[in-house]
Amino acid sequence: MNLHLRNPLPNVIRCLVATLALLMVGQVGAADGMDLAVVSGCFACHRGAGTAIGPSFVEVAKKSVDQKIAAEALAEYIVKGTGPDGRGWLKEGKAVLPFMPANNGVKPKDALRLANWILATKGEIPDLAHYVTEHLSISGSVEHPLKLGVDDLRRFPAKDLREIAVASQTPAVVGTTEKLKGVSLGALLNKAVMLSPGNDMRKVSIVVKSSDGHLISFSWCELFNSPIGDGVLVYFEKDGQPLADDEGRLALMSTRDTHLLGRHVRWLKSIEVRVIAD
């Protein structure tokens, strides 16, 4: 879709305002403790009640209560790590690693939210497989509604298949890169053929939803009239491997955003094209 605009800046601003208006009337995917733990990479090392690389959240909560460690102190551990001496988890047989490294990607305010959530954990966290999606739907104001799985994405033309290297979003390995493979969101929308009254695509917004209810959106201007669009990827592989349960079989990331976690959708479920009313 190649609609060229003579003076794009006012239209970009108009689209951004329209997108904000859309989000004001819809759910804006505010993450609860579980969502924040997933996004922050906590499940790479921890489980609710079982031992993984690190101690379970239940054990962390118990030790914190026994040692009278407040949520604020636990939050500091989350951000700064426990130091080379750790907190004794390895000696107790409740961890594989001797200490927790710093999680520089977690903001202090989010660490405090995580700490309070961990302290309230009473048992195993529901299996992440509950959130895994095998297919995504593309619906709304489109000529051809679509239902696509991983195999369908793999069959897209080579020109639409992309590999994009991004900074790792797991705080424990900040500074490394991950290679994502998938199809650009623009290519998927072009296949569905977006519709808008009078073909005024500036009134179109694209709403992306995960299986846990998290929502993000893009304006048409972002996807088709700015550099951001080239970096919005619906991906199904990371570093040559299928996505694990903590992301689902399908995920989306806007790889050219300043903050990647802002528009990173795990367990991708649906993409809906909406027309903003005047």
Protein backbone atom coordinates (compact mmCIF):
# COMPACT_ATOMS: atom_id res chain seq x y z
CA MET A 1 0.00 0.00 0.00
CA ASN A 2 1.78 3.10 -1.25
CA LEU A 3 -0.20 6.21 -0.39
CA HIS A 4 2.24 9.12 -0.60
CA LEU A 5 1.51 12.17 1.53
CA ARG A 6 2.77 15.60 0.45
CA ASN A 7 3.11 16.95 3.98
CA PRO A 8 3.24 13.93 6.30
CA LEU A 9 3.91 15.62 9.66
CA PRO A 10 0.37 16.98 10.34
CA ASN A 11 -1.08 13.62 9.30
CA VAL A 12 1.28 11.70 11.58
CA ILE A 13 0.22 13.93 14.48
CA ARG A 14 -3.44 13.40 13.59
CA CYS A 15 -2.94 9.64 13.51
CA LEU A 16 -1.16 9.61 16.85
CA VAL A 17 -3.98 11.61 18.45
CA ALA A 18 -6.51 9.22 16.94
CA THR A 19 -4.60 6.23 18.28
CA LEU A 20 -4.51 7.74 21.77
CA ALA A 21 -8.24 8.33 21.56
CA LEU A 22 -8.73 4.68 20.65
CA LEU A 23 -6.72 3.54 23.66
CA MET A 24 -8.71 5.82 25.94
CA VAL A 25 -11.86 3.85 25.17
CA GLY A 26 -10.23 0.39 25.17
CA GLN A 27 -8.25 -1.70 27.57
CA VAL A 28 -4.64 -0.60 27.80
CA GLY A 29 -3.13 -3.87 29.03
CA ALA A 30 -1.83 -2.72 32.43
CA ALA A 31 0.34 -5.62 33.59
CA ASP A 32 -0.36 -7.23 36.93
CA GLY A 33 2.34 -9.02 38.90
CA MET A 34 2.20 -12.12 36.73
CA ASP A 35 2.47 -10.12 33.52
CA LEU A 36 5.29 -8.02 34.94
CA ALA A 37 7.17 -11.15 36.03
CA VAL A 38 6.84 -12.59 32.54
CA VAL A 39 7.93 -9.37 30.84
CA SER A 40 10.85 -8.94 33.25
CA GLY A 41 12.20 -12.40 32.55
CA CYS A 42 11.66 -13.76 36.07
CA PHE A 43 10.52 -17.15 34.79
CA ALA A 44 13.86 -17.72 33.12
CA CYS A 45 15.19 -18.62 36.60
CA HIS A 46 12.24 -18.98 38.98
CA ARG A 47 8.96 -20.82 39.40
CA GLY A 48 6.12 -20.37 41.83
CA ALA A 49 6.78 -23.36 44.08
CA GLY A 50 9.29 -25.55 42.25
CA THR A 51 13.06 -25.16 42.14
CA ALA A 52 14.55 -23.99 38.85
CA ILE A 53 17.84 -22.15 38.31
CA GLY A 54 16.89 -19.96 41.24
CA PRO A 55 14.70 -20.50 44.31
CA SER A 56 10.93 -20.59 44.05
CA PHE A 57 8.91 -17.48 44.79
CA VAL A 58 7.32 -19.33 47.70
CA GLU A 59 10.75 -19.95 49.26
CA VAL A 60 11.81 -16.33 48.63
CA ALA A 61 8.64 -15.11 50.34
CA LYS A 62 9.16 -17.45 53.30
CA LYS A 63 12.80 -16.44 53.83
CA SER A 64 11.91 -12.77 53.48
CA VAL A 65 9.28 -13.11 56.22
CA ASP A 66 11.59 -15.17 58.47
CA GLN A 67 14.39 -12.62 58.11
CA LYS A 68 11.99 -9.68 58.32
CA ILE A 69 13.02 -8.42 54.89
CA ALA A 70 10.59 -5.78 53.66
CA ALA A 71 9.35 -5.46 50.08
CA GLU A 72 11.67 -2.48 49.57
CA ALA A 73 14.75 -4.59 50.45
CA LEU A 74 13.60 -7.43 48.21
CA ALA A 75 13.06 -4.94 45.39
CA GLU A 76 16.66 -3.80 45.81
CA TYR A 77 17.84 -7.41 45.46
CA ILE A 78 15.80 -7.70 42.27
CA VAL A 79 17.47 -4.66 40.69
CA LYS A 80 21.01 -4.94 42.06
CA GLY A 81 21.29 -8.70 42.50
CA THR A 82 22.24 -10.52 45.68
CA GLY A 83 26.01 -10.07 45.34
CA PRO A 84 28.61 -12.84 44.91
CA ASP A 85 27.74 -14.43 48.26
CA GLY A 86 24.06 -14.77 47.43
CA ARG A 87 21.53 -15.54 50.14
CA GLY A 88 22.41 -19.19 50.78
CA TRP A 89 20.02 -20.76 48.28
CA LEU A 90 22.67 -22.94 46.63
CA LYS A 91 23.85 -24.39 49.96
CA GLU A 92 20.24 -25.14 50.86
CA GLY A 93 19.76 -27.05 47.61
CA LYS A 94 17.08 -24.64 46.44
CA ALA A 95 18.97 -23.06 43.53
CA VAL A 96 21.48 -23.99 40.85
CA LEU A 97 23.25 -20.64 40.75
CA PRO A 98 25.04 -19.28 43.85
CA PHE A 99 23.66 -15.76 43.48
CA MET A 100 21.26 -13.65 41.44
CA PRO A 101 22.86 -11.22 38.99
CA ALA A 102 21.75 -7.62 38.68
CA ASN A 103 18.63 -7.05 36.60
CA ASN A 104 19.47 -3.69 35.11
CA GLY A 105 16.47 -3.78 32.80
CA VAL A 106 13.99 -3.69 35.70
CA LYS A 107 13.01 -0.23 36.91
CA PRO A 108 12.94 0.30 40.72
CA LYS A 109 9.20 0.99 40.76
CA ASP A 110 8.56 -2.24 38.82
CA ALA A 111 10.91 -4.12 41.15
CA LEU A 112 8.80 -3.01 44.11
CA ARG A 113 5.65 -4.25 42.38
CA LEU A 114 7.38 -7.56 41.72
CA ALA A 115 8.56 -7.79 45.33
CA ASN A 116 5.04 -7.33 46.70
CA TRP A 117 3.71 -9.90 44.24
CA ILE A 118 6.41 -12.42 45.20
CA LEU A 119 5.75 -11.95 48.90
CA ALA A 120 2.09 -12.73 48.26
CA THR A 121 2.82 -15.93 46.30
CA LYS A 122 1.36 -18.99 48.04
CA GLY A 123 1.91 -21.78 45.52
CA GLU A 124 2.76 -22.72 41.98
CA ILE A 125 2.12 -20.17 39.24
CA PRO A 126 -0.40 -21.36 36.64
CA ASP A 127 1.34 -23.12 33.79
CA LEU A 128 2.47 -20.58 31.22
CA ALA A 129 1.21 -22.98 28.56
CA HIS A 130 -2.23 -21.64 29.47
CA TYR A 131 -1.34 -18.43 27.63
CA VAL A 132 0.31 -20.02 24.58
CA THR A 133 -1.40 -19.24 21.26
CA GLU A 134 -1.05 -21.42 18.18
CA HIS A 135 -2.82 -19.05 15.76
CA LEU A 136 -3.53 -15.36 15.34
CA SER A 137 -6.53 -13.78 13.68
CA ILE A 138 -6.63 -10.63 11.56
CA SER A 139 -10.08 -9.07 11.52
CA GLY A 140 -12.02 -5.84 11.59
CA SER A 141 -12.01 -3.46 8.65
CA VAL A 142 -10.32 -5.84 6.20
CA GLU A 143 -11.36 -7.40 2.92
CA HIS A 144 -9.91 -10.81 3.76
CA PRO A 145 -10.05 -11.89 7.43
CA LEU A 146 -7.20 -14.27 8.18
CA LYS A 147 -6.31 -17.01 10.66
CA LEU A 148 -2.59 -17.77 10.61
CA GLY A 149 -0.33 -20.23 12.38
CA VAL A 150 3.44 -20.64 12.35
CA ASP A 151 3.38 -22.81 9.22
CA ASP A 152 1.31 -20.18 7.41
CA LEU A 153 3.86 -17.50 8.28
CA ARG A 154 6.73 -19.66 7.09
CA ARG A 155 5.04 -19.89 3.67
CA PHE A 156 5.08 -16.13 3.13
CA PRO A 157 7.29 -14.95 0.24
CA ALA A 158 10.98 -14.63 1.06
CA LYS A 159 10.75 -10.83 0.68
CA ASP A 160 8.31 -10.72 3.62
CA LEU A 161 10.25 -13.08 5.91
CA ARG A 162 12.74 -11.20 8.07
CA GLU A 163 15.39 -11.77 10.69
CA ILE A 164 15.98 -8.85 13.05
CA ALA A 165 18.61 -8.71 15.79
CA VAL A 166 17.44 -6.95 18.95
CA ALA A 167 18.84 -6.36 22.41
CA SER A 168 17.88 -9.16 24.77
CA GLN A 169 14.75 -8.40 26.81
CA THR A 170 15.76 -10.73 29.64
CA PRO A 171 17.25 -8.48 32.34
CA ALA A 172 19.76 -11.11 33.50
CA VAL A 173 21.46 -11.05 30.10
CA VAL A 174 21.26 -7.36 29.26
CA GLY A 175 23.90 -6.46 26.70
CA THR A 176 23.43 -9.53 24.52
CA THR A 177 21.36 -9.78 21.35
CA GLU A 178 18.63 -12.10 20.13
CA LYS A 179 17.72 -12.82 16.52
CA LEU A 180 13.98 -12.83 15.80
CA LYS A 181 12.51 -14.39 12.66
CA GLY A 182 9.05 -13.65 11.36
CA VAL A 183 6.88 -11.61 8.99
CA SER A 184 6.42 -7.86 9.08
CA LEU A 185 3.07 -6.67 10.37
CA GLY A 186 2.73 -4.54 7.25
CA ALA A 187 2.95 -7.64 5.03
CA LEU A 188 0.21 -9.37 7.02
CA LEU A 189 -2.06 -6.34 6.78
CA ASN A 190 -1.43 -6.02 3.06
CA LYS A 191 -2.48 -9.65 2.63
CA ALA A 192 -5.70 -8.98 4.56
CA VAL A 193 -6.28 -5.71 2.58
CA MET A 194 -7.29 -2.94 4.98
CA LEU A 195 -10.45 -0.95 4.28
CA SER A 196 -11.34 2.62 5.19
CA PRO A 197 -14.17 4.95 4.06
CA GLY A 198 -12.93 7.02 1.14
CA ASN A 199 -9.65 5.10 1.31
CA ASP A 200 -8.47 7.57 3.97
CA MET A 201 -6.02 5.32 5.77
CA ARG A 202 -5.09 8.12 8.18
CA LYS A 203 -8.23 7.16 10.12
CA VAL A 204 -7.09 3.55 10.55
CA SER A 205 -5.56 2.13 13.73
CA ILE A 206 -4.34 -1.41 14.27
CA VAL A 207 -5.01 -3.00 17.67
CA VAL A 208 -2.87 -5.97 18.73
CA LYS A 209 -4.03 -8.24 21.56
CA SER A 210 -2.46 -11.09 23.52
CA SER A 211 -4.20 -14.07 25.10
CA ASP A 212 -3.87 -12.49 28.55
CA GLY A 213 -5.68 -9.33 27.45
CA HIS A 214 -2.68 -7.04 26.92
CA LEU A 215 -3.34 -4.44 24.19
CA ILE A 216 -1.12 -2.19 22.11
CA SER A 217 -1.87 -0.21 18.96
CA PHE A 218 -0.29 1.33 15.89
CA SER A 219 -1.52 4.04 13.57
CA TRP A 220 -1.50 3.47 9.83
CA CYS A 221 0.98 6.34 9.60
CA GLU A 222 3.46 4.56 11.86
CA LEU A 223 3.33 1.32 9.91
CA PHE A 224 3.27 2.65 6.36
CA ASN A 225 4.64 6.19 6.52
CA SER A 226 7.49 6.06 9.03
CA PRO A 227 10.65 4.00 9.68
CA ILE A 228 8.92 2.31 12.63
CA GLY A 229 6.83 0.16 10.31
CA ASP A 230 9.78 -1.74 8.88
CA GLY A 231 10.67 -2.93 12.35
CA VAL A 232 7.28 -4.25 13.50
CA LEU A 233 7.67 -8.02 13.37
CA VAL A 234 5.28 -10.90 14.03
CA TYR A 235 7.83 -13.55 14.92
CA PHE A 236 7.85 -17.29 15.54
CA GLU A 237 11.56 -18.03 16.10
CA LYS A 238 14.21 -16.69 18.45
CA ASP A 239 17.84 -17.56 17.78
CA GLY A 240 16.74 -20.30 15.41
CA GLN A 241 14.39 -21.99 17.91
CA PRO A 242 10.58 -22.00 18.23
CA LEU A 243 9.30 -19.63 20.89
CA ALA A 244 9.07 -21.05 24.40
CA ASP A 245 5.93 -20.95 26.53
CA ASP A 246 6.91 -17.62 28.09
CA GLU A 247 6.25 -15.97 24.71
CA GLY A 248 3.91 -18.41 23.04
CA ARG A 249 4.29 -19.77 19.52
CA LEU A 250 3.62 -16.30 18.12
CA ALA A 251 4.71 -12.89 19.38
CA LEU A 252 5.10 -9.32 18.12
CA MET A 253 7.69 -6.65 18.74
CA SER A 254 8.13 -3.09 17.48
CA THR A 255 11.90 -3.36 17.17
CA ARG A 256 12.52 0.30 16.29
CA ASP A 257 10.81 1.75 19.35
CA THR A 258 13.09 3.44 21.88
CA HIS A 259 11.86 1.09 24.61
CA LEU A 260 11.26 -2.37 23.17
CA LEU A 261 9.12 -3.66 26.04
CA GLY A 262 6.56 -0.93 25.38
CA ARG A 263 5.20 -2.71 22.31
CA HIS A 264 6.26 -6.30 22.82
CA VAL A 265 3.28 -8.67 22.75
CA ARG A 266 3.78 -12.21 24.01
CA TRP A 267 1.14 -14.87 23.34
CA LEU A 268 -0.09 -12.97 20.27
CA LYS A 269 -3.78 -13.70 19.70
CA SER A 270 -5.34 -11.13 17.38
CA ILE A 271 -4.81 -8.12 15.17
CA GLU A 272 -7.83 -5.91 14.55
CA VAL A 273 -8.10 -3.06 12.06
CA ARG A 274 -10.29 -0.27 13.37
CA VAL A 275 -11.50 2.93 11.72
CA ILE A 276 -11.49 6.03 13.92
CA ALA A 277 -14.71 8.02 13.61
CA ASP A 278 -14.53 11.76 12.93
